[in-house]
Protein backbone atom coordinates (compact mmCIF):
# COMPACT_ATOMS: atom_id res chain seq x y z
CA MET A 1 130.66 92.02 123.41
CA LYS A 2 127.60 94.30 124.63
CA GLU A 3 127.11 95.99 121.07
CA ASN A 4 126.65 92.25 119.50
CA SER A 5 124.22 91.34 122.17
CA LYS A 6 121.89 94.33 121.63
CA ILE A 7 122.55 93.43 117.49
CA ARG A 8 121.40 90.21 118.16
CA SER A 9 118.19 91.19 120.15
CA LEU A 10 117.21 93.90 117.35
CA VAL A 11 117.57 91.03 114.88
CA LEU A 12 115.11 88.61 116.90
CA LEU A 13 112.34 91.13 117.93
CA GLY A 14 112.52 91.75 113.70
CA LEU A 15 112.28 88.41 112.92
CA LEU A 16 109.70 87.73 115.58
CA THR A 17 107.70 90.80 114.56
CA ALA A 18 107.76 89.69 110.87
CA VAL A 19 106.46 86.29 112.47
CA VAL A 20 103.26 87.84 114.01
CA ALA A 21 102.43 89.92 110.93
CA LEU A 22 102.50 86.94 108.84
CA PHE A 23 100.19 85.10 111.70
CA SER A 24 97.89 88.30 111.52
CA LEU A 25 97.94 89.48 108.36
CA THR A 26 97.28 85.73 106.86
CA PRO A 27 94.94 82.81 107.86
CA ILE A 28 97.97 81.14 108.74
CA GLY A 29 97.84 82.12 112.60
CA SER A 30 94.60 82.33 113.35
CA ILE A 31 91.99 79.53 113.19
CA PRO A 32 88.23 80.81 113.84
CA ILE A 33 85.96 79.05 116.23
CA GLY A 34 82.51 81.02 116.59
CA PRO A 35 83.31 84.92 117.55
CA LEU A 36 86.86 83.78 118.83
CA SER A 37 89.81 82.24 117.29
CA ILE A 38 92.66 80.29 118.33
CA THR A 39 95.84 82.25 117.79
CA LEU A 40 99.34 81.34 117.12
CA ASN A 41 100.97 84.87 117.93
CA ILE A 42 101.28 83.84 121.88
CA ILE A 43 104.32 81.89 120.57
CA PRO A 44 106.02 84.29 119.49
CA ILE A 45 105.55 86.36 122.50
CA ALA A 46 106.55 83.72 124.81
CA ILE A 47 110.06 83.28 122.76
CA ALA A 48 110.47 87.06 122.87
CA ALA A 49 110.18 87.01 126.65
CA ILE A 50 112.17 83.95 127.18
CA ALA A 51 115.12 84.86 124.50
CA LEU A 52 114.74 88.68 125.67
CA GLY A 53 113.67 88.65 129.26
CA PRO A 54 110.32 90.70 130.53
CA ILE A 55 111.24 93.91 128.43
CA GLY A 56 111.00 92.03 125.36
CA GLY A 57 108.31 89.95 125.90
CA LEU A 58 106.31 93.86 126.73
CA ILE A 59 107.59 94.71 123.32
CA MET A 60 106.69 91.42 121.11
CA GLY A 61 103.41 91.46 123.35
CA THR A 62 102.54 95.02 121.96
CA VAL A 63 103.17 94.22 119.00
CA PHE A 64 100.77 91.85 118.87
CA GLY A 65 98.10 94.28 120.37
CA LEU A 66 98.58 96.18 117.59
CA PHE A 67 98.34 93.57 115.00
CA SER A 68 95.08 92.54 116.93
CA PHE A 69 93.71 96.28 116.97
CA MET A 70 94.15 96.15 113.34
CA GLN A 71 92.20 93.26 112.60
CA CYS A 72 89.03 94.87 113.77
CA PHE A 73 89.38 96.88 110.94
CA GLY A 74 89.43 94.27 108.67
CA ILE A 75 93.37 94.41 108.15
CA GLY A 76 94.37 91.34 107.36
CA VAL A 77 92.24 88.31 108.65
CA LEU A 78 88.74 90.03 110.04
CA SER A 79 88.06 89.35 114.06
CA GLY A 80 84.54 89.18 114.19
CA MET A 81 84.29 90.00 118.12
CA GLY A 82 86.72 93.16 117.17
CA ALA A 83 84.34 94.60 114.55
CA ALA A 84 81.67 93.98 117.01
CA THR A 85 83.59 95.92 119.72
CA LEU A 86 84.45 98.59 117.47
CA GLU A 87 81.49 99.93 116.95
CA ILE A 88 80.85 100.09 120.45
CA SER A 89 83.95 102.03 121.45
CA PRO A 90 87.26 102.14 119.31
CA VAL A 91 89.31 103.44 122.40
CA LEU A 92 88.12 100.79 124.59
CA THR A 93 88.69 97.96 121.93
CA PHE A 94 92.21 99.56 121.41
CA VAL A 95 92.74 99.44 125.08
CA GLN A 96 91.11 96.07 125.55
CA ARG A 97 93.09 94.56 122.68
CA VAL A 98 96.93 96.04 123.12
CA ILE A 99 97.27 96.30 126.72
CA PRO A 100 96.15 92.44 127.88
CA ARG A 101 98.65 91.16 125.42
CA ALA A 102 101.74 93.80 126.67
CA LEU A 103 101.05 92.30 129.95
CA ASP A 104 101.34 88.69 129.27
CA GLY A 105 104.44 89.49 127.56
CA LEU A 106 106.02 91.18 130.62
CA LEU A 107 104.82 88.68 132.89
CA VAL A 108 105.83 85.39 130.60
CA GLY A 109 109.50 87.04 130.77
CA LEU A 110 109.26 87.51 135.07
CA ILE A 111 107.56 84.25 135.16
CA PHE A 112 110.47 82.47 132.81
CA SER A 113 113.20 84.97 135.21
CA SER A 114 112.01 83.18 138.08
CA LEU A 115 111.84 79.64 136.76
CA SER A 116 115.36 79.94 135.61
CA LYS A 117 116.28 80.42 139.22
CA ILE A 118 114.92 77.20 140.39
CA ASN A 119 118.00 74.58 141.05
CA SER A 120 115.78 71.73 141.01
CA LYS A 121 115.09 70.06 138.34
CA LYS A 122 112.32 67.74 140.47
CA ALA A 123 110.69 71.37 141.92
CA LEU A 124 110.14 72.21 137.93
CA SER A 125 108.75 68.64 137.36
CA ILE A 126 106.10 69.24 140.41
CA ILE A 127 105.63 72.72 138.27
CA SER A 128 104.92 70.95 135.28
CA GLY A 129 102.80 68.59 136.51
CA ILE A 130 100.19 71.48 138.29
CA VAL A 131 100.33 72.54 134.79
CA SER A 132 98.84 69.06 133.13
CA GLY A 133 96.14 68.84 136.08
CA ILE A 134 95.17 72.26 135.24
CA VAL A 135 94.64 71.36 131.61
CA LEU A 136 92.94 68.06 132.52
CA ILE A 137 90.28 69.42 134.18
CA GLY A 138 89.45 72.34 131.66
CA LEU A 139 89.66 69.39 129.18
CA PHE A 140 87.10 67.52 131.24
CA LEU A 141 84.54 70.31 132.16
CA SER A 142 84.64 71.46 128.07
CA VAL A 143 83.98 67.80 126.75
CA LEU A 144 81.56 67.10 129.90
CA LEU A 145 79.20 70.50 129.00
CA LEU A 146 80.08 70.12 125.10
CA ILE A 147 77.93 66.80 124.93
CA CYS A 148 75.26 68.13 127.44
CA HIS A 149 73.63 70.90 124.85
CA ASP A 150 69.79 71.16 123.51
CA GLU A 151 68.94 70.60 119.80
CA ASN A 152 69.32 74.62 119.74
CA GLY A 153 72.99 74.68 120.93
CA LYS A 154 72.02 76.75 124.14
CA TYR A 155 74.20 74.70 126.11
CA LYS A 156 71.25 73.34 128.96
CA MET A 157 72.36 70.78 131.66
CA SER A 158 70.03 67.96 132.04
CA GLU A 159 68.65 67.86 135.73
CA GLY A 160 71.24 64.89 136.49
CA MET A 161 74.16 67.13 135.07
CA TYR A 162 72.78 70.35 137.31
CA LYS A 163 72.50 68.11 140.36
CA PHE A 164 76.16 66.99 139.72
CA MET A 165 77.80 70.19 138.74
CA THR A 166 75.82 71.87 141.87
CA SER A 167 76.56 68.96 143.94
CA GLY A 168 79.62 70.67 145.96
CA LEU A 169 81.79 68.27 147.88
CA PRO A 170 81.11 65.31 145.05
CA VAL A 171 82.01 67.35 142.06
CA ALA A 172 85.47 69.15 143.99
CA LEU A 173 86.31 65.42 144.64
CA THR A 174 85.95 64.21 140.93
CA LEU A 175 87.85 67.59 139.62
CA THR A 176 90.68 66.72 142.53
CA GLY A 177 91.03 63.20 141.02
CA ILE A 178 91.25 64.24 137.77
CA PHE A 179 93.68 67.19 138.41
CA ALA A 180 95.92 64.38 140.36
CA LEU A 181 95.56 62.22 137.51
CA GLY A 182 96.99 64.96 135.07
CA PHE A 183 100.00 65.91 137.69
CA ALA A 184 100.93 62.47 138.34
CA ALA A 185 101.28 61.30 134.32
CA MET A 186 103.07 64.62 133.55
CA PHE A 187 105.30 64.23 136.74
CA TRP A 188 106.21 60.66 135.68
CA PHE A 189 106.41 61.60 132.30
CA VAL A 190 109.00 64.21 132.36
CA ARG A 191 111.06 62.16 134.90
CA LYS A 192 111.25 59.12 132.46
CA LYS A 193 112.23 61.15 129.16
CA ASP A 194 114.64 63.08 131.59
CA PHE A 195 113.44 66.68 130.03
CA SER A 196 115.79 69.34 130.86
CA LYS A 197 115.84 72.22 133.00
CA ILE A 198 115.24 73.99 129.89
CA GLN A 199 112.52 72.33 128.46
CA GLN A 200 110.41 72.43 131.49
CA SER A 201 111.30 75.97 131.56
CA CYS A 202 110.30 76.74 128.20
CA GLY A 203 106.84 74.47 128.22
CA ILE A 204 105.76 76.10 131.26
CA ALA A 205 106.55 79.89 129.89
CA GLY A 206 104.54 78.46 126.58
CA PHE A 207 101.51 77.13 128.67
CA SER A 208 101.80 80.60 130.93
CA ALA A 209 101.43 82.87 127.79
CA ALA A 210 98.38 81.30 126.76
CA ILE A 211 96.47 80.83 130.01
CA LEU A 212 97.20 84.32 130.69
CA ASN A 213 96.58 85.94 127.74
CA THR A 214 93.18 84.27 127.91
CA ILE A 215 92.34 85.66 131.17
CA PHE A 216 93.92 89.11 130.70
CA PHE A 217 91.95 89.20 127.18
CA MET A 218 88.51 87.70 128.57
CA GLY A 219 88.71 89.56 131.69
CA ALA A 220 89.31 92.78 129.50
CA LEU A 221 86.47 91.79 127.79
CA VAL A 222 83.86 91.69 130.63
CA LEU A 223 85.25 94.78 132.30
CA LEU A 224 85.18 97.14 129.56
CA PHE A 225 82.04 95.89 127.81
CA ASN A 226 79.42 93.86 129.76
CA HIS A 227 76.52 96.20 131.07
CA THR A 228 77.87 99.52 130.37
CA ALA A 229 78.13 99.16 125.89
CA THR A 230 76.34 101.39 124.03
CA GLY A 231 76.74 99.25 120.56
CA LEU A 232 75.06 98.72 117.16
CA ASP A 233 71.95 97.32 117.03
CA ASN A 234 71.10 97.40 113.56
CA LYS A 235 72.00 99.14 110.33
CA TYR A 236 69.70 100.23 107.48
CA ALA A 237 70.21 101.13 103.69
CA ILE A 238 67.73 103.43 102.85
CA THR A 239 67.13 104.59 98.99
CA VAL A 240 65.94 108.00 98.18
CA ASN A 241 64.42 108.58 94.46
CA ASN A 242 62.97 111.73 93.16
CA GLY A 243 62.71 112.90 96.89
CA VAL A 244 61.20 109.98 98.49
CA ILE A 245 62.05 106.76 100.23
CA SER A 246 61.59 103.99 97.75
CA GLU A 247 63.42 101.07 99.22
CA VAL A 248 64.56 100.14 102.83
CA LYS A 249 66.68 97.28 103.82
CA ASP A 250 67.94 96.13 107.58
CA SER A 251 71.21 94.41 107.81
CA SER A 252 70.01 91.13 107.18
CA GLY A 253 68.26 92.20 103.62
CA ASN A 254 64.71 92.29 104.38
CA ASN A 255 62.36 94.89 103.52
CA VAL A 256 61.87 97.57 105.59
CA ALA A 257 57.64 98.78 105.38
CA PHE A 258 57.41 102.46 105.06
CA THR A 259 54.56 104.82 104.07
CA ASN A 260 53.20 104.64 100.53
CA GLY A 261 54.31 108.18 99.82
CA GLY A 262 57.47 107.59 100.43
CA LYS A 263 57.53 110.38 103.10
CA ALA A 264 58.64 108.19 106.05
CA VAL A 265 59.46 104.97 107.13
CA ALA A 266 58.91 103.81 111.20
CA ILE A 267 61.62 101.48 112.48
CA GLY A 268 60.31 99.56 115.20
CA ASN A 269 59.39 101.65 118.29
CA ASP A 270 63.23 103.51 117.72
CA ILE A 271 62.72 105.70 115.00
CA VAL A 272 60.44 107.51 112.75
CA PHE A 273 62.61 108.49 109.42
CA TYR A 274 61.07 111.64 107.60
CA VAL A 275 60.99 112.75 103.91
CA LYS A 276 59.75 116.17 103.38
CA GLU A 277 60.15 120.18 104.03
CA ASP A 278 57.17 120.51 105.93
CA ILE A 279 57.73 120.09 109.29
CA SER A 280 54.38 120.56 110.40
CA ASP A 281 52.36 116.63 111.75
CA ILE A 282 55.33 115.12 113.04
CA PRO A 283 54.17 112.51 115.12
CA ALA A 284 56.64 111.39 118.57
CA THR A 285 57.84 107.76 118.29
CA VAL A 286 57.37 105.59 121.69
CA SER A 287 59.09 103.53 123.89
CA SER A 288 62.51 103.90 121.57
CA ALA A 289 65.56 102.07 123.68
CA ALA A 290 67.88 103.55 121.30
CA VAL A 291 70.78 106.01 122.15
CA LYS A 292 71.68 107.46 119.41
CA PHE A 293 71.88 107.10 115.68
CA LYS A 294 73.81 107.32 112.52
CA LEU A 295 73.14 108.46 109.00
CA SER A 296 76.06 108.28 106.40
CA SER A 297 76.20 108.59 102.74
CA ASP A 298 78.20 110.73 100.25
CA LYS A 299 75.10 112.27 99.18
CA LEU A 300 73.95 113.81 102.71
CA LYS A 301 76.19 117.19 102.40
CA GLY A 302 73.88 120.18 102.29
CA ALA A 303 71.18 118.16 103.61
CA THR A 304 68.95 120.00 106.78
CA PHE A 305 67.98 118.04 109.95
CA ALA A 306 64.88 119.07 112.11
CA GLY A 307 64.49 122.27 109.85
CA THR A 308 67.82 123.86 111.28
CA ASP A 309 70.81 122.02 111.16
CA GLN A 310 73.16 122.05 108.19
CA ILE A 311 74.99 118.95 107.25
CA ASN A 312 78.40 119.91 106.26
CA GLY A 313 79.72 116.80 106.02
CA ASN A 314 79.24 112.61 105.00
CA SER A 315 77.86 111.85 108.23
CA PHE A 316 75.66 113.05 110.72
CA THR A 317 75.05 111.48 114.30
CA PHE A 318 72.24 112.49 116.44
CA LYS A 319 69.65 111.41 118.89
CA ASN A 320 66.32 112.45 118.31
CA PRO A 321 63.85 109.59 117.28
CA ASN A 322 61.81 111.95 115.22
CA ALA A 323 64.50 111.98 112.57
CA HIS A 324 62.86 114.96 109.99
CA PHE A 325 65.60 115.42 106.81
CA SER A 326 64.98 117.67 104.24
CA ASN A 327 66.93 118.54 101.16
CA LEU A 328 68.14 114.63 100.69
CA ALA A 329 69.70 114.28 97.20
CA ASP A 330 68.90 110.78 95.15
CA GLY A 331 70.93 108.07 96.22
CA LYS A 332 71.73 105.55 99.05
CA TYR A 333 71.88 106.29 103.20
CA THR A 334 73.32 104.18 105.84
CA LEU A 335 71.40 104.42 109.05
CA LYS A 336 72.91 103.17 112.05
CA VAL A 337 70.80 102.50 115.24
CA TYR A 338 72.97 102.23 118.79
CA LYS A 339 71.17 100.91 121.79
CA LYS A 340 72.76 100.03 124.96
CA PHE A 341 73.11 96.47 125.92
CA ASN A 342 74.77 93.53 127.61
CA TYR A 343 77.51 92.75 125.21
CA ILE A 344 78.52 89.56 126.98
CA ASP A 345 75.05 88.40 127.05
CA LYS A 346 74.44 89.05 123.53
CA LEU A 347 77.70 87.32 122.46
CA ARG A 348 76.63 83.67 124.44
CA SER A 349 73.25 84.31 123.23
CA GLY A 350 71.34 82.54 125.76
CA LYS A 351 74.31 80.54 127.28
CA SER A 352 75.07 80.51 131.07
CA ILE A 353 78.01 82.63 131.33
CA LEU A 354 79.72 79.29 133.10
CA LEU A 355 78.82 77.08 130.23
CA PHE A 356 79.55 80.04 127.41
CA ILE A 357 83.40 80.52 129.00
CA ILE A 358 84.02 76.78 129.36
CA THR A 359 82.79 75.96 125.69
CA ALA A 360 83.63 78.93 123.68
CA VAL A 361 86.55 80.14 125.41
CA GLY A 362 87.88 77.12 126.80
CA ILE A 363 88.07 75.08 123.97
CA ASN A 364 90.05 77.68 122.31
CA ALA A 365 92.42 78.45 125.52
CA LEU A 366 92.78 74.70 125.54
CA PHE A 367 94.49 74.51 122.08
CA GLU A 368 96.23 77.55 122.84
CA MET A 369 97.77 76.17 125.80
CA VAL A 370 99.12 72.73 124.38
CA ILE A 371 100.10 74.36 121.09
CA SER A 372 101.87 77.17 123.04
CA THR A 373 103.51 74.44 125.37
CA ILE A 374 104.91 72.26 122.79
CA PHE A 375 106.38 74.82 120.13
CA THR A 376 107.93 77.23 123.08
CA ALA A 377 109.32 74.55 124.15
CA LEU A 378 110.80 72.65 120.98
CA ILE A 379 111.78 75.83 119.56
CA CYS A 380 113.50 77.73 122.46
CA THR A 381 115.21 74.84 123.32
CA ALA A 382 116.62 74.42 120.20
CA LEU A 383 117.55 78.14 120.44
CA PHE A 384 119.82 77.77 123.43
CA LYS A 385 121.38 74.52 122.27
CA ALA A 386 122.24 76.45 118.98
CA LYS A 387 123.69 79.16 121.31
CA LEU A 388 121.49 81.93 119.67
CA ILE A 389 120.44 82.98 122.81
CA LYS A 390 121.82 83.21 126.23
CA THR A 391 121.02 80.06 128.84
CA PRO A 392 120.32 81.43 132.12
CA ASP A 393 123.09 80.03 134.78
CA ASN A 394 120.98 78.03 136.69
CA LEU A 395 119.06 76.13 133.67
CA LYS A 396 122.89 74.90 132.36
CA GLU A 397 122.92 71.23 132.78
C-alpha cells in the first residue's frame, strides 16, 4: 500500500513538473505586464502542497524557482527583470528566484495541513471572508491609484488624493469598511453555496500560494538588490578597422562621437577608450561613476591592456577608466559599463515606492490571487473526489 502511495506521489510530481516546464518554456504560463509577469506556475505549487504536503510543495516550489532562473537567460519566456538582475549578480539572482518559491511551497503545505485540522465549516468560512476582504482592499487601492497619474505615467497623486491617502483615521475607516464588505460578501456566498470544507481549504491554500509568492519574491528583490547593487548601466558596440575606431554605438543604437583619427572615444565622464601603441599623453577621466568595465569579442585574444596585461580570452574585465588597449584586431567589440545604483528606484522610474508596489506589483498579484484561488480549488477538489489523492480526515464530509 505504501509502495503504491509512493508511486502515485512520484507520478503526480512528474506531471506537475511537466506542467511547470510547459508554463515556463512557452507563453502559456506567463502574462507579461511591464517588468513583471502574471504567472500560473503557483497553481502547480499549491496542488503539490495540498496533495503531497509541505515536502511536496517544497520540491515543486524549487522546480518552479529553477525554471524561473532559467528564464533570466532567455530559456523559455524571457524575464526582463531577471535579465536585469542577472547582469548585477548571477548568485543573488539564483537566490532571489529559487528560495522564495521553495519557501512558498513549504508554507502552503503547512497552511493546508493546519486547515485540515479545523473541524468547523463556519471557521473556514470566516477565513475565506478574511481572504476576500484583503483582495478587495488591494483592488480598491490599485484602481484608485491607477486612475490618478499624470501624462508621463509617474503616478503622482492629486492634492485631494494625497490628503485622503495621508488622512489617517478617514482612510483607515474607509479601508475597514471595504474589508468588512468583502468579508461579509464572501462569508455569505460560501455559506449560501454550501461549499465543502475541502473546497474552502483548497481555495485558501491557492490564495496563500499567490500572496506568499508575491511577498517573498518582491521582498527578496528589495533585500538583495536595493541600494547595494552593481548593475549594467550601458552597453556599447565598438568597431575597429585598420587598427583605429571606425564606429561606436550605445545600447539604443545611437552614435557616440570619437576622435577624427579614431584613436580614442570618451564615453561621458565614465571612460576614455584608447586604441594606440603609444601610452604617453593619455589624459585622465574625471567624475567617473562607473565601478567596472568589461570588453568582449572573439577578436580580443592577444590584445594588451595598459601596455602590460596580455589578454588571453574573449573577455576582459577592468576598473581603470583610462582604458588603453593596443594590438586590437579589426572587428566588433562590446564594452559594458557597470555602475552602482538603486535597482528598485530604477525599476519604478520615478514612481513613489507605495504607488509602484500597488500599481506594478499589486495588479499582477491580484490577478494571481484570484486565478490561483479558483483553479486550485477546482482542480484539487476534483482530485479528492476522484480519490486520486487522500482526503485529510477532518475535511471529509
